[in-house]
Protein backbone atom coordinates (compact mmCIF):
# COMPACT_ATOMS: atom_id res chain seq x y z
CA MET A 1 -41.86 -191.33 73.27
CA ALA A 2 -43.93 -188.66 71.56
CA TYR A 3 -46.57 -189.36 68.94
CA HIS A 4 -49.32 -187.26 67.41
CA THR A 5 -52.57 -189.02 66.55
CA ARG A 6 -56.27 -188.22 66.58
CA LEU A 7 -57.54 -191.68 67.52
CA VAL A 8 -54.98 -194.50 67.77
CA GLY A 9 -53.13 -194.62 71.07
CA HIS A 10 -55.69 -192.64 73.05
CA PRO A 11 -55.23 -194.26 75.45
CA LEU A 12 -52.03 -196.31 75.10
CA LEU A 13 -52.05 -198.99 77.82
CA TYR A 14 -48.74 -200.63 78.73
CA PHE A 15 -48.43 -204.01 80.45
CA PRO A 16 -44.95 -205.36 81.36
CA ARG A 17 -45.99 -209.04 81.09
CA VAL A 18 -49.23 -210.54 79.75
CA SER A 19 -50.40 -213.68 77.96
CA SER A 20 -50.85 -211.63 74.80
CA SER A 21 -51.76 -208.06 73.90
CA MET A 22 -54.75 -209.48 71.97
CA ASP A 23 -56.12 -211.08 75.14
CA VAL A 24 -55.82 -207.80 77.01
CA ALA A 25 -57.39 -205.81 74.16
CA ARG A 26 -60.35 -208.20 74.05
CA ARG A 27 -60.76 -207.77 77.80
CA GLU A 28 -60.67 -203.98 77.35
CA VAL A 29 -63.42 -204.26 74.72
CA GLY A 30 -65.55 -206.01 77.32
CA LYS A 31 -64.99 -203.05 79.63
CA GLY A 32 -66.22 -200.64 76.98
CA ALA A 33 -62.83 -199.39 75.74
CA SER A 34 -63.01 -196.57 73.24
CA GLU A 35 -62.04 -196.97 69.60
CA GLY A 36 -58.33 -196.35 69.17
CA THR A 37 -57.35 -197.88 72.50
CA ALA A 38 -53.93 -199.49 72.05
CA VAL A 39 -52.41 -202.21 74.22
CA LEU A 40 -48.62 -202.54 74.33
CA ALA A 41 -47.00 -205.57 75.98
CA GLY A 42 -43.43 -205.66 77.24
CA GLU A 43 -43.47 -209.46 77.24
CA GLN A 44 -45.99 -212.01 75.96
CA THR A 45 -46.14 -215.49 77.47
CA ALA A 46 -48.62 -216.84 74.90
CA GLY A 47 -48.36 -214.66 71.81
CA ARG A 48 -50.06 -216.08 68.74
CA GLY A 49 -50.29 -215.48 65.03
CA ARG A 50 -52.66 -216.53 62.26
CA GLN A 51 -54.32 -219.96 62.42
CA GLY A 52 -53.50 -220.23 66.14
CA ARG A 53 -49.74 -220.51 65.59
CA SER A 54 -47.51 -219.42 68.46
CA TRP A 55 -45.69 -216.11 68.02
CA LEU A 56 -42.33 -215.65 69.68
CA THR A 57 -41.86 -212.18 71.18
CA PRO A 58 -38.23 -211.66 72.17
CA GLN A 59 -37.13 -208.60 74.11
CA GLY A 60 -36.77 -205.83 71.57
CA SER A 61 -40.08 -206.56 69.82
CA ILE A 62 -43.23 -204.45 69.61
CA ALA A 63 -46.32 -206.42 70.69
CA LEU A 64 -49.22 -204.06 69.98
CA SER A 65 -52.97 -204.50 69.66
CA VAL A 66 -55.34 -201.72 68.61
CA ILE A 67 -59.11 -201.67 68.98
CA PHE A 68 -61.11 -200.46 65.96
CA ARG A 69 -64.84 -200.28 65.32
CA PRO A 70 -65.12 -200.09 61.54
CA SER A 71 -68.23 -200.45 59.44
CA LEU A 72 -68.72 -203.85 57.82
CA SER A 73 -67.67 -202.44 54.44
CA HIS A 74 -64.35 -201.28 55.93
CA LEU A 75 -63.55 -204.45 57.88
CA SER A 76 -61.32 -206.02 55.21
CA GLY A 77 -59.44 -202.72 55.00
CA VAL A 78 -58.25 -203.07 58.60
CA ALA A 79 -56.30 -206.21 57.62
CA MET A 80 -54.67 -204.23 54.80
CA LEU A 81 -53.83 -201.05 56.68
CA ALA A 82 -52.10 -202.83 59.58
CA PRO A 83 -49.16 -204.25 57.57
CA LEU A 84 -49.12 -201.14 55.40
CA ALA A 85 -48.65 -198.99 58.51
CA VAL A 86 -45.58 -201.10 59.40
CA VAL A 87 -44.14 -200.63 55.89
CA ARG A 88 -44.63 -196.86 56.18
CA ALA A 89 -43.35 -196.62 59.76
CA VAL A 90 -40.17 -198.62 59.13
CA ARG A 91 -39.41 -196.52 56.05
CA ARG A 92 -39.98 -193.28 58.00
CA ALA A 93 -37.89 -194.37 60.96
CA THR A 94 -34.99 -196.04 59.16
CA GLY A 95 -35.23 -195.71 55.38
CA LEU A 96 -35.52 -199.50 55.02
CA GLU A 97 -37.87 -200.72 52.29
CA THR A 98 -40.06 -203.67 53.21
CA GLY A 99 -42.69 -205.70 51.37
CA ILE A 100 -45.84 -207.62 52.25
CA LYS A 101 -46.37 -211.35 51.82
CA TRP A 102 -50.07 -212.00 51.23
CA PRO A 103 -52.11 -211.46 53.24
CA ASN A 104 -50.30 -209.43 55.88
CA ASP A 105 -46.78 -210.55 56.84
CA VAL A 106 -44.18 -207.79 56.47
CA LEU A 107 -40.88 -208.97 54.98
CA LEU A 108 -37.40 -207.49 54.97
CA GLY A 109 -34.92 -209.16 52.65
CA GLY A 110 -37.31 -212.09 52.20
CA LYS A 111 -37.53 -212.77 55.94
CA LYS A 112 -40.37 -212.04 58.34
CA LEU A 113 -40.18 -208.70 60.11
CA CYS A 114 -43.76 -208.45 61.32
CA GLY A 115 -46.81 -210.63 61.71
CA VAL A 116 -50.35 -209.27 61.80
CA LEU A 117 -53.45 -210.87 63.29
CA VAL A 118 -56.91 -209.29 63.00
CA GLU A 119 -59.76 -210.65 65.11
CA SER A 120 -63.29 -209.31 64.83
CA ALA A 121 -66.77 -209.93 66.11
CA LEU A 122 -70.06 -209.22 64.38
CA ARG A 123 -73.48 -208.59 65.84
CA GLY A 124 -75.85 -209.10 62.95
CA SER A 125 -74.55 -206.88 60.17
CA GLN A 126 -72.69 -204.61 62.59
CA VAL A 127 -69.03 -204.95 63.50
CA GLU A 128 -68.81 -205.07 67.27
CA TYR A 129 -65.03 -204.66 67.17
CA ALA A 130 -61.91 -205.44 65.16
CA ILE A 131 -58.59 -205.83 66.98
CA ALA A 132 -55.41 -205.52 64.93
CA GLY A 133 -52.48 -207.26 66.60
CA LEU A 134 -48.97 -206.50 65.36
CA GLY A 135 -45.72 -208.18 66.35
CA VAL A 136 -42.79 -206.17 64.96
CA ASN A 137 -39.21 -207.39 65.36
CA VAL A 138 -37.28 -204.21 66.11
CA ASP A 139 -34.10 -204.65 68.13
CA PHE A 140 -32.78 -208.18 68.53
CA ASP A 141 -30.42 -210.58 66.78
CA PRO A 142 -32.42 -213.36 65.06
CA ALA A 143 -29.31 -215.59 65.10
CA ALA A 144 -29.71 -215.81 68.88
CA TRP A 145 -33.04 -217.61 68.40
CA PRO A 146 -32.39 -220.87 66.49
CA GLU A 147 -36.12 -221.63 66.11
CA ILE A 148 -36.68 -218.50 63.99
CA ALA A 149 -33.19 -217.59 62.74
CA SER A 150 -33.76 -218.95 59.22
CA ILE A 151 -37.11 -217.24 58.64
CA ALA A 152 -37.13 -214.04 60.73
CA THR A 153 -35.27 -210.76 60.79
CA SER A 154 -35.41 -207.46 62.67
CA VAL A 155 -35.06 -203.76 61.96
CA SER A 156 -31.71 -203.67 63.78
CA ALA A 157 -30.44 -206.65 61.77
CA GLY A 158 -31.44 -204.87 58.58
CA LEU A 159 -29.69 -201.67 59.61
CA GLY A 160 -26.69 -203.22 61.33
CA ARG A 161 -27.16 -201.08 64.43
CA PRO A 162 -29.32 -201.01 67.57
CA VAL A 163 -32.76 -199.46 67.21
CA ALA A 164 -34.85 -198.16 70.11
CA LEU A 165 -38.46 -199.41 70.14
CA GLY A 166 -39.72 -195.83 70.27
CA GLU A 167 -38.05 -195.06 66.93
CA VAL A 168 -40.53 -197.40 65.26
CA LEU A 169 -43.46 -197.36 67.71
CA GLY A 170 -44.20 -193.62 67.44
CA PRO A 171 -44.36 -193.63 63.62
CA LEU A 172 -46.33 -196.90 63.71
CA LEU A 173 -49.07 -195.40 65.88
CA GLU A 174 -49.21 -192.34 63.63
CA GLU A 175 -49.43 -194.39 60.42
CA LEU A 176 -52.13 -196.67 61.87
CA ASP A 177 -54.07 -193.55 62.82
CA GLN A 178 -53.71 -191.84 59.44
CA LEU A 179 -54.57 -194.95 57.43
CA TYR A 180 -57.60 -195.85 59.56
CA LEU A 181 -59.02 -192.33 59.46
CA SER A 182 -58.52 -192.32 55.68
CA LEU A 183 -60.29 -195.69 55.41
CA ARG A 184 -63.16 -194.45 57.55
CA ALA A 185 -63.46 -191.37 55.32
CA GLY A 186 -63.91 -193.62 52.30
CA GLU A 187 -60.39 -193.38 50.89
CA PRO A 188 -59.11 -196.79 49.69
CA VAL A 189 -55.99 -198.40 51.16
CA TYR A 190 -56.27 -201.33 48.76
CA GLN A 191 -54.08 -199.87 45.99
CA GLU A 192 -51.14 -199.03 48.28
CA TRP A 193 -51.39 -202.40 50.06
CA GLN A 194 -51.46 -204.18 46.70
CA ALA A 195 -48.44 -202.19 45.46
CA HIS A 196 -46.33 -203.60 48.31
CA LEU A 197 -47.40 -207.24 47.87
CA GLU A 198 -44.31 -209.28 47.01
CA THR A 199 -46.48 -212.34 46.40
CA ILE A 200 -47.99 -211.02 43.16
CA GLY A 201 -46.33 -212.51 40.10
CA GLN A 202 -44.84 -215.43 42.00
CA ARG A 203 -45.61 -219.12 41.62
CA VAL A 204 -46.98 -220.31 44.95
CA ALA A 205 -48.11 -223.45 46.73
CA VAL A 206 -51.16 -222.85 48.91
CA ARG A 207 -52.54 -225.24 51.51
CA GLY A 208 -55.88 -225.20 53.29
CA GLU A 209 -57.90 -227.59 55.42
CA GLY A 210 -57.95 -230.76 53.30
CA TRP A 211 -56.89 -229.12 50.04
CA GLN A 212 -53.80 -227.87 48.22
CA GLU A 213 -53.31 -225.68 45.15
CA GLU A 214 -50.39 -224.48 43.07
CA GLY A 215 -50.30 -221.72 40.52
CA LEU A 216 -49.42 -218.13 39.73
CA ALA A 217 -50.42 -215.43 42.21
CA GLU A 218 -51.94 -213.20 39.55
CA GLY A 219 -53.43 -210.44 41.67
CA VAL A 220 -55.76 -209.55 44.50
CA ASP A 221 -59.34 -208.33 44.70
CA PRO A 222 -60.34 -205.18 46.60
CA ASP A 223 -61.67 -207.40 49.40
CA GLY A 224 -58.14 -208.79 49.89
CA SER A 225 -58.66 -212.21 48.33
CA LEU A 226 -55.81 -213.71 46.28
CA LEU A 227 -56.34 -214.57 42.62
CA LEU A 228 -54.55 -217.84 41.84
CA ARG A 229 -54.14 -218.87 38.20
CA ARG A 230 -53.97 -222.66 37.97
CA ALA A 231 -51.91 -224.58 35.41
CA ASP A 232 -55.13 -225.38 33.46
CA GLY A 233 -55.86 -221.66 33.10
CA THR A 234 -58.72 -221.51 35.58
CA LEU A 235 -58.77 -218.87 38.30
CA ARG A 236 -59.45 -219.46 41.99
CA ARG A 237 -60.14 -216.77 44.59
CA LEU A 238 -58.56 -217.55 47.94
CA PHE A 239 -59.59 -215.86 51.17
CA SER A 240 -57.02 -215.45 53.94
CA GLY A 241 -59.23 -217.23 56.48
CA GLU A 242 -59.21 -220.49 54.47
CA VAL A 243 -55.45 -220.55 53.84
CA LEU A 244 -53.20 -222.35 56.33
CA SER A 245 -49.92 -221.76 54.51
CA LEU A 246 -48.52 -220.13 51.38
CA ARG A 247 -45.05 -220.83 50.01
CA SER A 248 -43.37 -219.35 46.96
């Protein structure tokens, strides 16, 4: 598989079977891995998504984690550029149009195509690292997995034909690279991320730790927070870290 990037995927480390690509990436950070180091897992035995949920990684999925070292002002942009890179890469590779469910799930036909998890560590006001983990369903039949069949899809299911992982992985690395370098140069990714949010304009039920809200998803702020208009007309800003679930 050929790809052309300045930062992301240099190096690209492949592991046939690991607990999760995030675990390996965090270990690589401890070894002093350079920014842009990408970890690709053939199989994950303990993949996880947001809020500690398990993440199933069937054969035919991309399990990728990339190490970034953004400034604090660019940290929220990493969580935006990761799903946006998937949207761009899938369109480039296949022509399929996808959308984003706030904050960073990628949907195809209303079903989940990709989950994104961003973990970061701060030292004072400095970002020590930010790891973007992406699980992209590329080439498998969701109907073969009863536990996810009703909520998940894949690129091959959307196209109706087999799709090689490299068809999506190469463009994905390139789009992650381009978007991150643009972010680092001060160019916003917020507007493009917002333009692909399918959540905006929908009535949603949002649940957090010990609280629940319903209302209209009216918009998002540049920091990525969701603006929820309640029935009484008041507005609440919701941050992704405080939200356990969102249903429309």
